[in-house]
Amino acid sequence: MKYTFLLYAFLFPILSSAQKTNADVFWANLSAQCGKAFIGEVLEAPTNDAFRNHELVMHVLSCDDEVINIPFFVGDDRSRTWIFTRKGDRIQLKHDHRHEDGSMDEVTMYGGTSTSTGLATLQTFPADQQTADLIPAAASNIWWIEVVPDEYFTYNLRRIGTNRFFSIRFNFENETETPPPAWGWE
């Protein structure tokens, strides 16, 4: 009995550190789509939103243990890339915006970092201070991403205190050809 307890006391920290967090599972599920591109649809947006009138394509361009880059195209506009970065047991979402010549837009690199390990299929990203400083109206933004294996990726935005809500979905059955590079990612 004494040796069993000692063995358990020795192995428990090793075994528990090997357990995957929900952020780890989310990361693995997103990484599983690496190299693939998908056609999306608007689920919810303001009625005058230009996204409704264009083809939406996301391309899970590159994935490693620290960063996942996902260019997001709206018609011929290749200015947007979602950048997911591991921050310990948290995940950061940033929006990289570029001009057609590849130069950075004035409004770029806004987003936030998850405040917990989230769910295996859902991570939330409240606006960070950089976002509040860059876009004061977006200080109350909350983004959330759903990745449901073998089903879909959903990007969502809610601006707390307003009726602004935006949601787009990319069904993993709607795979498409790899698009040209995002502006600035050539």
C-alpha atoms as a PDB file:
ATOM      1  CA  MET A   1       0.000   0.000   0.000  1.00  0.00           C
ATOM      2  CA  LYS A   2       2.806   2.381   0.923  1.00  0.00           C
ATOM      3  CA  TYR A   3       4.530   1.798  -2.431  1.00  0.00           C
ATOM      4  CA  THR A   4       1.285   2.222  -4.352  1.00  0.00           C
ATOM      5  CA  PHE A   5       0.786   5.610  -2.718  1.00  0.00           C
ATOM      6  CA  LEU A   6       4.376   6.657  -3.502  1.00  0.00           C
ATOM      7  CA  LEU A   7       4.024   5.515  -7.103  1.00  0.00           C
ATOM      8  CA  TYR A   8       0.733   7.429  -7.444  1.00  0.00           C
ATOM      9  CA  ALA A   9       2.261  10.525  -5.820  1.00  0.00           C
ATOM     10  CA  PHE A  10       5.144  10.364  -8.306  1.00  0.00           C
ATOM     11  CA  LEU A  11       3.083   9.659 -11.431  1.00  0.00           C
ATOM     12  CA  PHE A  12       0.077  11.935 -10.807  1.00  0.00           C
ATOM     13  CA  PRO A  13       1.905  15.198 -11.648  1.00  0.00           C
ATOM     14  CA  ILE A  14       3.358  13.631 -14.792  1.00  0.00           C
ATOM     15  CA  LEU A  15       0.039  12.180 -15.958  1.00  0.00           C
ATOM     16  CA  SER A  16      -1.996  15.278 -15.167  1.00  0.00           C
ATOM     17  CA  SER A  17       0.467  17.528 -17.038  1.00  0.00           C
ATOM     18  CA  ALA A  18      -0.001  15.317 -20.110  1.00  0.00           C
ATOM     19  CA  GLN A  19      -3.763  15.866 -20.165  1.00  0.00           C
ATOM     20  CA  LYS A  20      -4.943  18.097 -22.951  1.00  0.00           C
ATOM     21  CA  THR A  21      -6.810  21.295 -22.122  1.00  0.00           C
ATOM     22  CA  ASN A  22      -9.830  22.441 -24.102  1.00  0.00           C
ATOM     23  CA  ALA A  23      -7.553  25.006 -25.779  1.00  0.00           C
ATOM     24  CA  ASP A  24      -5.250  22.155 -26.872  1.00  0.00           C
ATOM     25  CA  VAL A  25      -8.170  20.235 -28.392  1.00  0.00           C
ATOM     26  CA  PHE A  26      -9.501  23.367 -30.114  1.00  0.00           C
ATOM     27  CA  TRP A  27      -6.005  24.030 -31.535  1.00  0.00           C
ATOM     28  CA  ALA A  28      -5.713  20.450 -32.802  1.00  0.00           C
ATOM     29  CA  ASN A  29      -9.187  20.611 -34.402  1.00  0.00           C
ATOM     30  CA  LEU A  30      -8.333  23.864 -36.186  1.00  0.00           C
ATOM     31  CA  SER A  31      -4.895  22.574 -37.221  1.00  0.00           C
ATOM     32  CA  ALA A  32      -6.554  19.492 -38.745  1.00  0.00           C
ATOM     33  CA  GLN A  33      -7.888  21.801 -41.485  1.00  0.00           C
ATOM     34  CA  CYS A  34      -4.424  23.124 -42.372  1.00  0.00           C
ATOM     35  CA  GLY A  35      -3.852  23.596 -46.079  1.00  0.00           C
ATOM     36  CA  LYS A  36      -7.562  23.492 -46.878  1.00  0.00           C
ATOM     37  CA  ALA A  37      -9.820  26.295 -48.108  1.00  0.00           C
ATOM     38  CA  PHE A  38     -13.581  26.572 -47.598  1.00  0.00           C
ATOM     39  CA  ILE A  39     -16.449  28.617 -48.992  1.00  0.00           C
ATOM     40  CA  GLY A  40     -18.502  30.406 -46.356  1.00  0.00           C
ATOM     41  CA  GLU A  41     -21.854  32.010 -45.855  1.00  0.00           C
ATOM     42  CA  VAL A  42     -23.168  34.922 -43.839  1.00  0.00           C
ATOM     43  CA  LEU A  43     -25.378  33.708 -41.002  1.00  0.00           C
ATOM     44  CA  GLU A  44     -26.013  37.123 -39.475  1.00  0.00           C
ATOM     45  CA  ALA A  45     -24.904  40.627 -40.461  1.00  0.00           C
ATOM     46  CA  PRO A  46     -26.367  44.113 -40.763  1.00  0.00           C
ATOM     47  CA  THR A  47     -28.680  44.271 -43.791  1.00  0.00           C
ATOM     48  CA  ASN A  48     -26.347  46.672 -45.622  1.00  0.00           C
ATOM     49  CA  ASP A  49     -23.264  44.538 -44.992  1.00  0.00           C
ATOM     50  CA  ALA A  50     -21.123  44.127 -48.138  1.00  0.00           C
ATOM     51  CA  PHE A  51     -20.155  40.580 -47.128  1.00  0.00           C
ATOM     52  CA  ARG A  52     -23.609  39.390 -48.183  1.00  0.00           C
ATOM     53  CA  ASN A  53     -22.920  40.138 -51.855  1.00  0.00           C
ATOM     54  CA  HIS A  54     -19.535  38.412 -52.248  1.00  0.00           C
ATOM     55  CA  GLU A  55     -18.068  34.937 -52.128  1.00  0.00           C
ATOM     56  CA  LEU A  56     -16.433  34.271 -48.757  1.00  0.00           C
ATOM     57  CA  VAL A  57     -13.366  32.012 -48.614  1.00  0.00           C
ATOM     58  CA  MET A  58     -11.131  31.093 -45.692  1.00  0.00           C
ATOM     59  CA  HIS A  59      -7.797  29.345 -46.253  1.00  0.00           C
ATOM     60  CA  VAL A  60      -6.133  27.638 -43.285  1.00  0.00           C
ATOM     61  CA  LEU A  61      -2.752  28.603 -44.677  1.00  0.00           C
ATOM     62  CA  SER A  62      -0.207  27.588 -42.055  1.00  0.00           C
ATOM     63  CA  CYS A  63      -0.259  25.793 -38.728  1.00  0.00           C
ATOM     64  CA  ASP A  64       2.335  24.961 -36.108  1.00  0.00           C
ATOM     65  CA  ASP A  65       2.386  24.601 -32.334  1.00  0.00           C
ATOM     66  CA  GLU A  66       2.414  28.389 -31.824  1.00  0.00           C
ATOM     67  CA  VAL A  67       0.632  30.134 -34.745  1.00  0.00           C
ATOM     68  CA  ILE A  68      -2.201  29.414 -37.182  1.00  0.00           C
ATOM     69  CA  ASN A  69      -2.710  31.874 -40.079  1.00  0.00           C
ATOM     70  CA  ILE A  70      -6.063  31.956 -41.863  1.00  0.00           C
ATOM     71  CA  PRO A  71      -6.516  34.405 -44.752  1.00  0.00           C
ATOM     72  CA  PHE A  72     -10.173  35.381 -45.165  1.00  0.00           C
ATOM     73  CA  PHE A  73     -11.315  36.704 -48.546  1.00  0.00           C
ATOM     74  CA  VAL A  74     -14.427  38.701 -49.369  1.00  0.00           C
ATOM     75  CA  GLY A  75     -14.786  38.495 -53.145  1.00  0.00           C
ATOM     76  CA  ASP A  76     -11.571  39.881 -54.666  1.00  0.00           C
ATOM     77  CA  ASP A  77     -10.630  41.616 -51.392  1.00  0.00           C
ATOM     78  CA  ARG A  78      -7.695  39.636 -49.976  1.00  0.00           C
ATOM     79  CA  SER A  79      -6.875  42.136 -47.203  1.00  0.00           C
ATOM     80  CA  ARG A  80      -7.770  40.054 -44.126  1.00  0.00           C
ATOM     81  CA  THR A  81      -5.900  37.346 -42.222  1.00  0.00           C
ATOM     82  CA  TRP A  82      -6.921  35.887 -38.874  1.00  0.00           C
ATOM     83  CA  ILE A  83      -3.873  35.082 -36.760  1.00  0.00           C
ATOM     84  CA  PHE A  84      -4.272  32.653 -33.861  1.00  0.00           C
ATOM     85  CA  THR A  85      -1.319  32.519 -31.440  1.00  0.00           C
ATOM     86  CA  ARG A  86      -0.814  30.247 -28.425  1.00  0.00           C
ATOM     87  CA  LYS A  87      -0.198  32.166 -25.210  1.00  0.00           C
ATOM     88  CA  GLY A  88       0.448  29.373 -22.685  1.00  0.00           C
ATOM     89  CA  ASP A  89      -2.932  27.730 -22.082  1.00  0.00           C
ATOM     90  CA  ARG A  90      -4.735  30.636 -23.790  1.00  0.00           C
ATOM     91  CA  ILE A  91      -5.226  31.569 -27.437  1.00  0.00           C
ATOM     92  CA  GLN A  92      -4.950  35.032 -28.970  1.00  0.00           C
ATOM     93  CA  LEU A  93      -6.911  36.155 -32.056  1.00  0.00           C
ATOM     94  CA  LYS A  94      -5.628  39.082 -34.096  1.00  0.00           C
ATOM     95  CA  HIS A  95      -6.944  40.586 -37.330  1.00  0.00           C
ATOM     96  CA  ASP A  96      -4.157  41.429 -39.795  1.00  0.00           C
ATOM     97  CA  HIS A  97      -5.399  43.930 -42.411  1.00  0.00           C
ATOM     98  CA  ARG A  98      -3.289  44.832 -45.462  1.00  0.00           C
ATOM     99  CA  HIS A  99      -3.551  47.008 -48.538  1.00  0.00           C
ATOM    100  CA  GLU A 100      -3.250  45.491 -51.999  1.00  0.00           C
ATOM    101  CA  ASP A 101       0.459  46.468 -52.099  1.00  0.00           C
ATOM    102  CA  GLY A 102       1.021  44.418 -48.917  1.00  0.00           C
ATOM    103  CA  SER A 103       1.479  47.395 -46.591  1.00  0.00           C
ATOM    104  CA  MET A 104      -0.279  47.363 -43.221  1.00  0.00           C
ATOM    105  CA  ASP A 105      -3.638  49.081 -42.935  1.00  0.00           C
ATOM    106  CA  GLU A 106      -3.995  51.790 -40.269  1.00  0.00           C
ATOM    107  CA  VAL A 107      -6.561  49.586 -38.527  1.00  0.00           C
ATOM    108  CA  THR A 108      -4.821  46.252 -38.027  1.00  0.00           C
ATOM    109  CA  MET A 109      -3.774  43.742 -35.385  1.00  0.00           C
ATOM    110  CA  TYR A 110      -6.862  44.239 -33.253  1.00  0.00           C
ATOM    111  CA  GLY A 111      -8.436  41.356 -31.345  1.00  0.00           C
ATOM    112  CA  GLY A 112      -8.038  39.734 -27.958  1.00  0.00           C
ATOM    113  CA  THR A 113      -6.909  36.753 -25.907  1.00  0.00           C
ATOM    114  CA  SER A 114      -9.125  34.065 -24.411  1.00  0.00           C
ATOM    115  CA  THR A 115      -9.605  34.450 -20.661  1.00  0.00           C
ATOM    116  CA  SER A 116      -9.800  30.705 -20.012  1.00  0.00           C
ATOM    117  CA  THR A 117      -9.063  27.454 -21.814  1.00  0.00           C
ATOM    118  CA  GLY A 118     -12.600  27.726 -23.207  1.00  0.00           C
ATOM    119  CA  LEU A 119     -14.378  24.760 -24.682  1.00  0.00           C
ATOM    120  CA  ALA A 120     -12.924  22.144 -27.003  1.00  0.00           C
ATOM    121  CA  THR A 121     -15.138  23.469 -29.813  1.00  0.00           C
ATOM    122  CA  LEU A 122     -15.414  27.156 -28.845  1.00  0.00           C
ATOM    123  CA  GLN A 123     -13.009  29.909 -27.817  1.00  0.00           C
ATOM    124  CA  THR A 124     -13.936  33.493 -26.874  1.00  0.00           C
ATOM    125  CA  PHE A 125     -11.774  36.573 -27.350  1.00  0.00           C
ATOM    126  CA  PRO A 126     -12.772  39.821 -25.583  1.00  0.00           C
ATOM    127  CA  ALA A 127     -11.222  42.967 -27.047  1.00  0.00           C
ATOM    128  CA  ASP A 128      -7.814  43.775 -25.598  1.00  0.00           C
ATOM    129  CA  GLN A 129      -6.379  47.186 -24.707  1.00  0.00           C
ATOM    130  CA  GLN A 130      -4.642  47.487 -28.091  1.00  0.00           C
ATOM    131  CA  THR A 131      -8.069  47.139 -29.739  1.00  0.00           C
ATOM    132  CA  ALA A 132      -9.657  49.700 -27.395  1.00  0.00           C
ATOM    133  CA  ASP A 133      -6.865  52.172 -28.162  1.00  0.00           C
ATOM    134  CA  LEU A 134      -7.010  51.543 -31.923  1.00  0.00           C
ATOM    135  CA  ILE A 135     -10.811  51.404 -32.316  1.00  0.00           C
ATOM    136  CA  PRO A 136     -12.515  52.928 -29.240  1.00  0.00           C
ATOM    137  CA  ALA A 137     -15.981  51.782 -30.403  1.00  0.00           C
ATOM    138  CA  ALA A 138     -14.677  48.172 -30.477  1.00  0.00           C
ATOM    139  CA  ALA A 139     -13.599  48.172 -26.817  1.00  0.00           C
ATOM    140  CA  SER A 140     -16.676  46.079 -25.995  1.00  0.00           C
ATOM    141  CA  ASN A 141     -16.168  43.579 -28.850  1.00  0.00           C
ATOM    142  CA  ILE A 142     -16.233  39.881 -28.133  1.00  0.00           C
ATOM    143  CA  TRP A 143     -15.243  37.461 -30.861  1.00  0.00           C
ATOM    144  CA  TRP A 144     -15.858  33.755 -30.627  1.00  0.00           C
ATOM    145  CA  ILE A 145     -14.774  30.997 -32.918  1.00  0.00           C
ATOM    146  CA  GLU A 146     -16.400  27.587 -33.156  1.00  0.00           C
ATOM    147  CA  VAL A 147     -14.574  24.653 -34.694  1.00  0.00           C
ATOM    148  CA  VAL A 148     -16.765  21.554 -34.780  1.00  0.00           C
ATOM    149  CA  PRO A 149     -14.751  18.627 -36.189  1.00  0.00           C
ATOM    150  CA  ASP A 150     -15.992  17.294 -39.528  1.00  0.00           C
ATOM    151  CA  GLU A 151     -18.700  19.989 -39.572  1.00  0.00           C
ATOM    152  CA  TYR A 152     -17.817  23.700 -39.588  1.00  0.00           C
ATOM    153  CA  PHE A 153     -15.811  26.772 -38.531  1.00  0.00           C
ATOM    154  CA  THR A 154     -17.828  29.791 -37.397  1.00  0.00           C
ATOM    155  CA  TYR A 155     -16.478  33.314 -36.838  1.00  0.00           C
ATOM    156  CA  ASN A 156     -18.688  35.515 -34.659  1.00  0.00           C
ATOM    157  CA  LEU A 157     -18.557  39.099 -33.399  1.00  0.00           C
ATOM    158  CA  ARG A 158     -20.815  40.804 -30.876  1.00  0.00           C
ATOM    159  CA  ARG A 159     -20.344  44.414 -29.808  1.00  0.00           C
ATOM    160  CA  ILE A 160     -21.722  44.496 -26.266  1.00  0.00           C
ATOM    161  CA  GLY A 161     -24.118  47.369 -25.624  1.00  0.00           C
ATOM    162  CA  THR A 162     -25.173  47.561 -29.276  1.00  0.00           C
ATOM    163  CA  ASN A 163     -27.175  45.405 -31.646  1.00  0.00           C
ATOM    164  CA  ARG A 164     -24.049  44.759 -33.759  1.00  0.00           C
ATOM    165  CA  PHE A 165     -23.757  41.031 -34.401  1.00  0.00           C
ATOM    166  CA  PHE A 166     -21.873  39.342 -37.208  1.00  0.00           C
ATOM    167  CA  SER A 167     -21.574  35.611 -37.890  1.00  0.00           C
ATOM    168  CA  ILE A 168     -20.151  33.655 -40.821  1.00  0.00           C
ATOM    169  CA  ARG A 169     -19.850  29.898 -41.224  1.00  0.00           C
ATOM    170  CA  PHE A 170     -17.530  27.753 -43.301  1.00  0.00           C
ATOM    171  CA  ASN A 171     -18.870  24.240 -43.709  1.00  0.00           C
ATOM    172  CA  PHE A 172     -16.040  21.712 -43.980  1.00  0.00           C
ATOM    173  CA  GLU A 173     -17.996  19.965 -46.738  1.00  0.00           C
ATOM    174  CA  ASN A 174     -17.662  23.139 -48.880  1.00  0.00           C
ATOM    175  CA  GLU A 175     -13.951  22.726 -49.581  1.00  0.00           C
ATOM    176  CA  THR A 176     -12.654  24.735 -52.519  1.00  0.00           C
ATOM    177  CA  GLU A 177      -9.415  25.242 -54.440  1.00  0.00           C
ATOM    178  CA  THR A 178      -6.560  26.991 -52.697  1.00  0.00           C
ATOM    179  CA  PRO A 179      -6.979  30.735 -53.353  1.00  0.00           C
ATOM    180  CA  PRO A 180      -4.161  33.138 -54.272  1.00  0.00           C
ATOM    181  CA  PRO A 181      -2.173  34.520 -51.310  1.00  0.00           C
ATOM    182  CA  ALA A 182      -3.584  37.210 -49.066  1.00  0.00           C
ATOM    183  CA  TRP A 183      -2.177  40.672 -49.677  1.00  0.00           C
ATOM    184  CA  GLY A 184       1.192  40.959 -47.957  1.00  0.00           C
ATOM    185  CA  TRP A 185       1.526  37.157 -47.580  1.00  0.00           C
ATOM    186  CA  GLU A 186       3.006  36.448 -51.020  1.00  0.00           C
END
